[in-house]
Amino acid sequence: AAKHFVDGVSLVLRTLKQRGYFLYLIARAEEQPLSLIQQLGVQSYFERVLITREKQSVDFISCVDRPIDRSHSFVVGDRVRQEITFGNQLGFKTIWVRRGPYQNEPPLVAIEEPTHAVSTLSAVLDLIP
C-alpha cells in the first residue's frame, strides 16, 4: 500500500466489498505496509494481507484462500513490472494505477501491458462491475 494510493482508498475498498469482491493485499515489507494499513483503518476490508520481502507471482495465488474465477478477478497495482506482470502471467484482468513513483515507467514487453490503465485509484470503480 503505497502512500499515493491513500486518496479514496476507503471508498474504493468499501465499494468493492459491497459489490461482493473478496479483497487481498500483497505488500513489500520495506514499505511499512502494516502501519499504513492501520493508520488508514482499512484492514477489515481484506480477507488476507500478505507481507513479503519481494513480490512474486506465487504470492498472488498463495494469498487467496478460495477458488478463483479469473474472468471476474482483477489485480490492481502501480507497477507494470511487478503486479501487472504477475497478474497477466496468472490470467487475471489487470489495472495499472498510474500514480506515484512508477507512473512514467511504461510497459516494455507484452506481459507488462495492463488490461486497463487509470490515473486515480477511484477510477477502478468504473472498470470493476
N, C-alpha and C. Protein backbone atom coordinates (compact mmCIF):
# COMPACT_ATOMS: atom_id res chain seq x y z
N ALA A 1 0.86 -1.18 0.00
CA ALA A 1 0.00 0.00 0.00
C ALA A 1 0.89 1.23 0.00
N ALA A 2 1.06 1.78 -1.16
CA ALA A 2 1.91 2.95 -1.28
C ALA A 2 1.13 4.20 -0.87
N LYS A 3 1.86 5.21 -0.43
CA LYS A 3 1.21 6.43 0.06
C LYS A 3 0.35 7.11 -1.00
N HIS A 4 0.72 6.99 -2.28
CA HIS A 4 -0.06 7.64 -3.33
C HIS A 4 -1.40 6.94 -3.58
N PHE A 5 -1.63 5.81 -2.93
CA PHE A 5 -2.91 5.12 -3.04
C PHE A 5 -3.90 5.60 -1.99
N VAL A 6 -3.48 6.45 -1.08
CA VAL A 6 -4.29 6.85 0.05
C VAL A 6 -5.59 7.55 -0.35
N ASP A 7 -5.53 8.48 -1.30
CA ASP A 7 -6.72 9.23 -1.70
C ASP A 7 -7.80 8.30 -2.23
N GLY A 8 -8.92 8.27 -1.54
CA GLY A 8 -10.06 7.48 -2.00
C GLY A 8 -9.99 6.00 -1.69
N VAL A 9 -8.96 5.55 -0.98
CA VAL A 9 -8.81 4.11 -0.77
C VAL A 9 -9.97 3.51 0.01
N SER A 10 -10.45 4.18 1.04
CA SER A 10 -11.55 3.62 1.83
C SER A 10 -12.82 3.48 0.99
N LEU A 11 -13.11 4.49 0.19
CA LEU A 11 -14.29 4.42 -0.68
C LEU A 11 -14.18 3.27 -1.66
N VAL A 12 -13.03 3.12 -2.28
CA VAL A 12 -12.83 2.06 -3.27
C VAL A 12 -12.97 0.69 -2.62
N LEU A 13 -12.30 0.48 -1.49
CA LEU A 13 -12.37 -0.82 -0.82
C LEU A 13 -13.79 -1.13 -0.34
N ARG A 14 -14.43 -0.16 0.27
CA ARG A 14 -15.81 -0.36 0.75
C ARG A 14 -16.75 -0.69 -0.41
N THR A 15 -16.63 0.01 -1.51
CA THR A 15 -17.48 -0.22 -2.67
C THR A 15 -17.26 -1.61 -3.27
N LEU A 16 -16.00 -2.00 -3.39
CA LEU A 16 -15.71 -3.33 -3.94
C LEU A 16 -16.23 -4.44 -3.03
N LYS A 17 -16.11 -4.26 -1.73
CA LYS A 17 -16.68 -5.24 -0.79
C LYS A 17 -18.19 -5.31 -0.95
N GLN A 18 -18.85 -4.15 -1.07
CA GLN A 18 -20.30 -4.11 -1.24
C GLN A 18 -20.72 -4.77 -2.55
N ARG A 19 -19.86 -4.74 -3.55
CA ARG A 19 -20.14 -5.39 -4.83
C ARG A 19 -19.89 -6.89 -4.78
N GLY A 20 -19.40 -7.37 -3.64
CA GLY A 20 -19.22 -8.81 -3.46
C GLY A 20 -17.83 -9.35 -3.73
N TYR A 21 -16.86 -8.49 -3.89
CA TYR A 21 -15.50 -8.94 -4.16
C TYR A 21 -14.79 -9.32 -2.86
N PHE A 22 -13.91 -10.32 -2.95
CA PHE A 22 -13.01 -10.68 -1.88
C PHE A 22 -11.70 -9.95 -2.17
N LEU A 23 -11.21 -9.20 -1.20
CA LEU A 23 -10.03 -8.36 -1.42
C LEU A 23 -8.82 -8.92 -0.68
N TYR A 24 -7.69 -8.90 -1.37
CA TYR A 24 -6.43 -9.39 -0.81
C TYR A 24 -5.37 -8.32 -1.06
N LEU A 25 -4.45 -8.18 -0.13
CA LEU A 25 -3.38 -7.20 -0.27
C LEU A 25 -2.05 -7.89 -0.16
N ILE A 26 -1.18 -7.64 -1.12
CA ILE A 26 0.20 -8.13 -1.08
C ILE A 26 1.08 -6.89 -1.09
N ALA A 27 1.92 -6.76 -0.07
CA ALA A 27 2.77 -5.58 0.07
C ALA A 27 4.19 -5.99 0.40
N ARG A 28 5.13 -5.16 -0.04
CA ARG A 28 6.54 -5.41 0.27
C ARG A 28 6.84 -4.93 1.69
N ALA A 29 7.66 -5.68 2.38
CA ALA A 29 7.97 -5.40 3.78
C ALA A 29 8.62 -4.04 3.99
N GLU A 30 9.47 -3.60 3.06
CA GLU A 30 10.18 -2.34 3.29
C GLU A 30 9.29 -1.11 3.15
N GLU A 31 8.06 -1.28 2.68
CA GLU A 31 7.15 -0.15 2.53
C GLU A 31 6.40 0.16 3.83
N GLN A 32 6.69 -0.55 4.90
CA GLN A 32 5.99 -0.39 6.18
C GLN A 32 4.47 -0.44 5.99
N PRO A 33 3.99 -1.49 5.31
CA PRO A 33 2.57 -1.54 4.96
C PRO A 33 1.64 -1.67 6.15
N LEU A 34 2.04 -2.40 7.17
CA LEU A 34 1.11 -2.60 8.29
C LEU A 34 0.78 -1.30 8.99
N SER A 35 1.78 -0.45 9.19
CA SER A 35 1.49 0.82 9.86
C SER A 35 0.59 1.70 9.00
N LEU A 36 0.78 1.68 7.68
CA LEU A 36 -0.07 2.47 6.80
C LEU A 36 -1.49 1.90 6.77
N ILE A 37 -1.61 0.60 6.71
CA ILE A 37 -2.93 -0.05 6.71
C ILE A 37 -3.68 0.27 7.99
N GLN A 38 -2.98 0.20 9.12
CA GLN A 38 -3.60 0.51 10.41
C GLN A 38 -3.96 1.99 10.49
N GLN A 39 -3.07 2.83 10.00
CA GLN A 39 -3.30 4.28 10.02
C GLN A 39 -4.55 4.63 9.20
N LEU A 40 -4.74 3.96 8.07
CA LEU A 40 -5.90 4.22 7.20
C LEU A 40 -7.16 3.53 7.71
N GLY A 41 -7.00 2.54 8.60
CA GLY A 41 -8.15 1.80 9.12
C GLY A 41 -8.84 0.94 8.08
N VAL A 42 -8.07 0.35 7.18
CA VAL A 42 -8.67 -0.42 6.08
C VAL A 42 -8.46 -1.93 6.19
N GLN A 43 -7.82 -2.40 7.26
CA GLN A 43 -7.50 -3.83 7.35
C GLN A 43 -8.75 -4.70 7.30
N SER A 44 -9.88 -4.20 7.79
CA SER A 44 -11.10 -5.02 7.84
C SER A 44 -11.67 -5.30 6.44
N TYR A 45 -11.25 -4.58 5.43
CA TYR A 45 -11.74 -4.82 4.07
C TYR A 45 -11.09 -6.04 3.42
N PHE A 46 -9.94 -6.45 3.93
CA PHE A 46 -9.17 -7.52 3.29
C PHE A 46 -9.43 -8.88 3.93
N GLU A 47 -9.55 -9.88 3.07
CA GLU A 47 -9.65 -11.27 3.54
C GLU A 47 -8.31 -11.68 4.14
N ARG A 48 -7.24 -11.20 3.49
CA ARG A 48 -5.90 -11.56 3.95
C ARG A 48 -4.92 -10.48 3.49
N VAL A 49 -3.94 -10.21 4.32
CA VAL A 49 -2.85 -9.29 3.98
C VAL A 49 -1.56 -10.11 4.03
N LEU A 50 -0.82 -10.10 2.94
CA LEU A 50 0.44 -10.82 2.85
C LEU A 50 1.58 -9.81 2.73
N ILE A 51 2.51 -9.87 3.68
CA ILE A 51 3.68 -9.01 3.66
C ILE A 51 4.86 -9.88 3.23
N THR A 52 5.55 -9.46 2.20
CA THR A 52 6.63 -10.27 1.64
C THR A 52 7.86 -9.40 1.36
N ARG A 53 9.02 -10.03 1.32
CA ARG A 53 10.24 -9.28 1.02
C ARG A 53 10.23 -8.76 -0.41
N GLU A 54 9.87 -9.61 -1.33
CA GLU A 54 9.81 -9.23 -2.75
C GLU A 54 8.62 -9.95 -3.37
N LYS A 55 7.75 -9.19 -4.03
CA LYS A 55 6.55 -9.77 -4.63
C LYS A 55 6.93 -10.74 -5.74
N GLN A 56 6.23 -11.88 -5.75
CA GLN A 56 6.41 -12.90 -6.79
C GLN A 56 5.03 -13.37 -7.22
N SER A 57 4.94 -13.94 -8.41
CA SER A 57 3.62 -14.36 -8.91
C SER A 57 2.99 -15.41 -8.00
N VAL A 58 3.80 -16.25 -7.38
CA VAL A 58 3.26 -17.29 -6.49
C VAL A 58 2.51 -16.67 -5.31
N ASP A 59 2.90 -15.47 -4.88
CA ASP A 59 2.23 -14.79 -3.78
C ASP A 59 0.77 -14.51 -4.11
N PHE A 60 0.49 -14.23 -5.37
CA PHE A 60 -0.87 -13.87 -5.78
C PHE A 60 -1.81 -15.08 -5.69
N ILE A 61 -1.28 -16.28 -5.87
CA ILE A 61 -2.10 -17.48 -5.74
C ILE A 61 -2.14 -17.96 -4.30
N SER A 62 -1.00 -17.95 -3.60
CA SER A 62 -0.96 -18.46 -2.23
C SER A 62 -1.73 -17.58 -1.26
N CYS A 63 -1.89 -16.32 -1.59
CA CYS A 63 -2.60 -15.40 -0.71
C CYS A 63 -4.10 -15.67 -0.69
N VAL A 64 -4.63 -16.15 -1.80
CA VAL A 64 -6.07 -16.35 -1.94
C VAL A 64 -6.45 -17.71 -1.39
N ASP A 65 -7.46 -17.71 -0.51
CA ASP A 65 -7.84 -18.95 0.18
C ASP A 65 -9.14 -19.56 -0.33
N ARG A 66 -9.47 -19.29 -1.59
CA ARG A 66 -10.70 -19.82 -2.17
C ARG A 66 -10.50 -19.99 -3.67
N PRO A 67 -11.38 -20.76 -4.34
CA PRO A 67 -11.24 -20.90 -5.80
C PRO A 67 -11.34 -19.53 -6.48
N ILE A 68 -10.59 -19.36 -7.54
CA ILE A 68 -10.51 -18.08 -8.23
C ILE A 68 -11.16 -18.18 -9.61
N ASP A 69 -12.10 -17.29 -9.87
CA ASP A 69 -12.67 -17.14 -11.21
C ASP A 69 -11.91 -15.98 -11.85
N ARG A 70 -10.90 -16.33 -12.65
CA ARG A 70 -10.02 -15.29 -13.20
C ARG A 70 -10.74 -14.33 -14.14
N SER A 71 -11.84 -14.75 -14.73
CA SER A 71 -12.57 -13.86 -15.63
C SER A 71 -13.28 -12.73 -14.88
N HIS A 72 -13.45 -12.91 -13.57
CA HIS A 72 -14.08 -11.89 -12.74
C HIS A 72 -13.16 -11.44 -11.60
N SER A 73 -11.85 -11.55 -11.85
CA SER A 73 -10.86 -11.18 -10.84
C SER A 73 -9.89 -10.16 -11.43
N PHE A 74 -9.40 -9.30 -10.57
CA PHE A 74 -8.54 -8.21 -11.02
C PHE A 74 -7.31 -8.10 -10.12
N VAL A 75 -6.19 -7.76 -10.73
CA VAL A 75 -5.01 -7.36 -9.99
C VAL A 75 -4.84 -5.87 -10.26
N VAL A 76 -4.82 -5.09 -9.19
CA VAL A 76 -4.68 -3.64 -9.28
C VAL A 76 -3.33 -3.28 -8.69
N GLY A 77 -2.52 -2.54 -9.43
CA GLY A 77 -1.21 -2.17 -8.92
C GLY A 77 -0.66 -0.95 -9.62
N ASP A 78 0.45 -0.45 -9.07
CA ASP A 78 1.06 0.75 -9.63
C ASP A 78 2.35 0.47 -10.38
N ARG A 79 2.70 -0.82 -10.53
CA ARG A 79 3.95 -1.17 -11.22
C ARG A 79 3.69 -2.20 -12.31
N VAL A 80 4.01 -1.84 -13.54
CA VAL A 80 3.82 -2.78 -14.64
C VAL A 80 4.81 -3.94 -14.56
N ARG A 81 5.97 -3.71 -13.94
CA ARG A 81 6.99 -4.76 -13.86
C ARG A 81 6.76 -5.70 -12.69
N GLN A 82 5.80 -5.42 -11.85
CA GLN A 82 5.50 -6.32 -10.74
C GLN A 82 4.05 -6.77 -10.80
N GLU A 83 3.15 -6.05 -10.14
CA GLU A 83 1.77 -6.52 -10.02
C GLU A 83 1.11 -6.79 -11.37
N ILE A 84 1.29 -5.88 -12.33
CA ILE A 84 0.64 -6.05 -13.62
C ILE A 84 1.21 -7.27 -14.35
N THR A 85 2.52 -7.43 -14.34
CA THR A 85 3.14 -8.60 -14.96
C THR A 85 2.65 -9.89 -14.32
N PHE A 86 2.65 -9.95 -12.98
CA PHE A 86 2.22 -11.17 -12.29
C PHE A 86 0.76 -11.47 -12.58
N GLY A 87 -0.08 -10.44 -12.52
CA GLY A 87 -1.50 -10.64 -12.82
C GLY A 87 -1.71 -11.17 -14.22
N ASN A 88 -0.99 -10.62 -15.21
CA ASN A 88 -1.10 -11.10 -16.58
C ASN A 88 -0.62 -12.54 -16.72
N GLN A 89 0.50 -12.86 -16.08
CA GLN A 89 1.04 -14.22 -16.14
C GLN A 89 0.03 -15.24 -15.61
N LEU A 90 -0.76 -14.83 -14.62
CA LEU A 90 -1.70 -15.74 -13.97
C LEU A 90 -3.10 -15.69 -14.59
N GLY A 91 -3.28 -14.87 -15.61
CA GLY A 91 -4.56 -14.84 -16.32
C GLY A 91 -5.63 -13.96 -15.71
N PHE A 92 -5.25 -13.02 -14.86
CA PHE A 92 -6.19 -12.07 -14.28
C PHE A 92 -6.34 -10.87 -15.20
N LYS A 93 -7.43 -10.13 -15.07
CA LYS A 93 -7.52 -8.81 -15.67
C LYS A 93 -6.66 -7.90 -14.80
N THR A 94 -5.98 -6.95 -15.43
CA THR A 94 -5.06 -6.09 -14.67
C THR A 94 -5.41 -4.62 -14.86
N ILE A 95 -5.24 -3.86 -13.79
CA ILE A 95 -5.49 -2.43 -13.82
C ILE A 95 -4.26 -1.72 -13.26
N TRP A 96 -3.62 -0.94 -14.10
CA TRP A 96 -2.45 -0.16 -13.71
C TRP A 96 -2.91 1.21 -13.23
N VAL A 97 -2.68 1.50 -11.97
CA VAL A 97 -2.99 2.82 -11.41
C VAL A 97 -1.74 3.67 -11.60
N ARG A 98 -1.80 4.58 -12.55
CA ARG A 98 -0.64 5.40 -12.91
C ARG A 98 -0.52 6.59 -11.98
N ARG A 99 -0.03 6.31 -10.76
CA ARG A 99 0.18 7.33 -9.73
C ARG A 99 1.50 7.01 -9.06
N GLY A 100 2.10 8.02 -8.50
CA GLY A 100 3.29 7.79 -7.70
C GLY A 100 4.56 7.62 -8.51
N PRO A 101 5.57 7.01 -7.90
CA PRO A 101 6.91 6.98 -8.50
C PRO A 101 7.03 6.15 -9.77
N TYR A 102 6.07 5.25 -10.06
CA TYR A 102 6.19 4.38 -11.23
C TYR A 102 5.21 4.75 -12.34
N GLN A 103 4.57 5.91 -12.23
CA GLN A 103 3.56 6.28 -13.22
C GLN A 103 4.12 6.49 -14.62
N ASN A 104 5.41 6.81 -14.72
CA ASN A 104 6.03 7.02 -16.03
C ASN A 104 6.92 5.86 -16.45
N GLU A 105 6.76 4.72 -15.80
CA GLU A 105 7.52 3.52 -16.12
C GLU A 105 6.67 2.68 -17.07
N PRO A 106 6.80 2.90 -18.39
CA PRO A 106 5.89 2.25 -19.34
C PRO A 106 6.18 0.76 -19.51
N PRO A 107 5.17 0.02 -19.95
CA PRO A 107 5.40 -1.39 -20.28
C PRO A 107 6.43 -1.49 -21.42
N LEU A 108 7.38 -2.41 -21.28
CA LEU A 108 8.40 -2.60 -22.30
C LEU A 108 8.17 -3.86 -23.13
N VAL A 109 7.47 -4.82 -22.55
CA VAL A 109 7.16 -6.07 -23.24
C VAL A 109 5.68 -6.38 -23.06
N ALA A 110 5.16 -7.26 -23.87
CA ALA A 110 3.72 -7.54 -23.89
C ALA A 110 3.17 -7.97 -22.53
N ILE A 111 3.89 -8.76 -21.78
CA ILE A 111 3.38 -9.28 -20.50
C ILE A 111 3.19 -8.16 -19.48
N GLU A 112 3.81 -7.00 -19.70
CA GLU A 112 3.66 -5.85 -18.80
C GLU A 112 2.48 -4.96 -19.17
N GLU A 113 1.82 -5.23 -20.30
CA GLU A 113 0.70 -4.40 -20.75
C GLU A 113 -0.53 -4.67 -19.88
N PRO A 114 -1.07 -3.65 -19.23
CA PRO A 114 -2.26 -3.87 -18.40
C PRO A 114 -3.51 -4.00 -19.27
N THR A 115 -4.53 -4.65 -18.72
CA THR A 115 -5.83 -4.68 -19.38
C THR A 115 -6.39 -3.27 -19.46
N HIS A 116 -6.22 -2.52 -18.37
CA HIS A 116 -6.69 -1.14 -18.28
C HIS A 116 -5.64 -0.31 -17.56
N ALA A 117 -5.64 1.01 -17.81
CA ALA A 117 -4.80 1.94 -17.06
C ALA A 117 -5.68 3.11 -16.62
N VAL A 118 -5.49 3.55 -15.38
CA VAL A 118 -6.26 4.67 -14.84
C VAL A 118 -5.30 5.63 -14.16
N SER A 119 -5.76 6.88 -13.98
CA SER A 119 -4.88 7.86 -13.36
C SER A 119 -5.20 8.08 -11.88
N THR A 120 -6.33 7.53 -11.40
CA THR A 120 -6.66 7.63 -9.98
C THR A 120 -7.15 6.27 -9.49
N LEU A 121 -6.98 6.01 -8.22
CA LEU A 121 -7.45 4.76 -7.66
C LEU A 121 -8.95 4.65 -7.77
N SER A 122 -9.69 5.74 -7.53
CA SER A 122 -11.15 5.68 -7.59
C SER A 122 -11.66 5.32 -8.98
N ALA A 123 -10.88 5.55 -10.01
CA ALA A 123 -11.29 5.21 -11.37
C ALA A 123 -11.44 3.70 -11.59
N VAL A 124 -10.85 2.89 -10.71
CA VAL A 124 -11.03 1.43 -10.87
C VAL A 124 -12.49 1.03 -10.69
N LEU A 125 -13.25 1.84 -9.96
CA LEU A 125 -14.67 1.52 -9.74
C LEU A 125 -15.47 1.54 -11.03
N ASP A 126 -14.99 2.30 -12.03
CA ASP A 126 -15.65 2.32 -13.33
C ASP A 126 -15.32 1.07 -14.15
N LEU A 127 -14.27 0.36 -13.78
CA LEU A 127 -13.82 -0.80 -14.53
C LEU A 127 -14.20 -2.13 -13.90
N ILE A 128 -14.44 -2.13 -12.60
CA ILE A 128 -14.78 -3.35 -11.88
C ILE A 128 -16.27 -3.30 -11.55
N PRO A 129 -17.06 -4.12 -12.22
CA PRO A 129 -18.53 -4.03 -12.05
C PRO A 129 -19.02 -4.45 -10.68
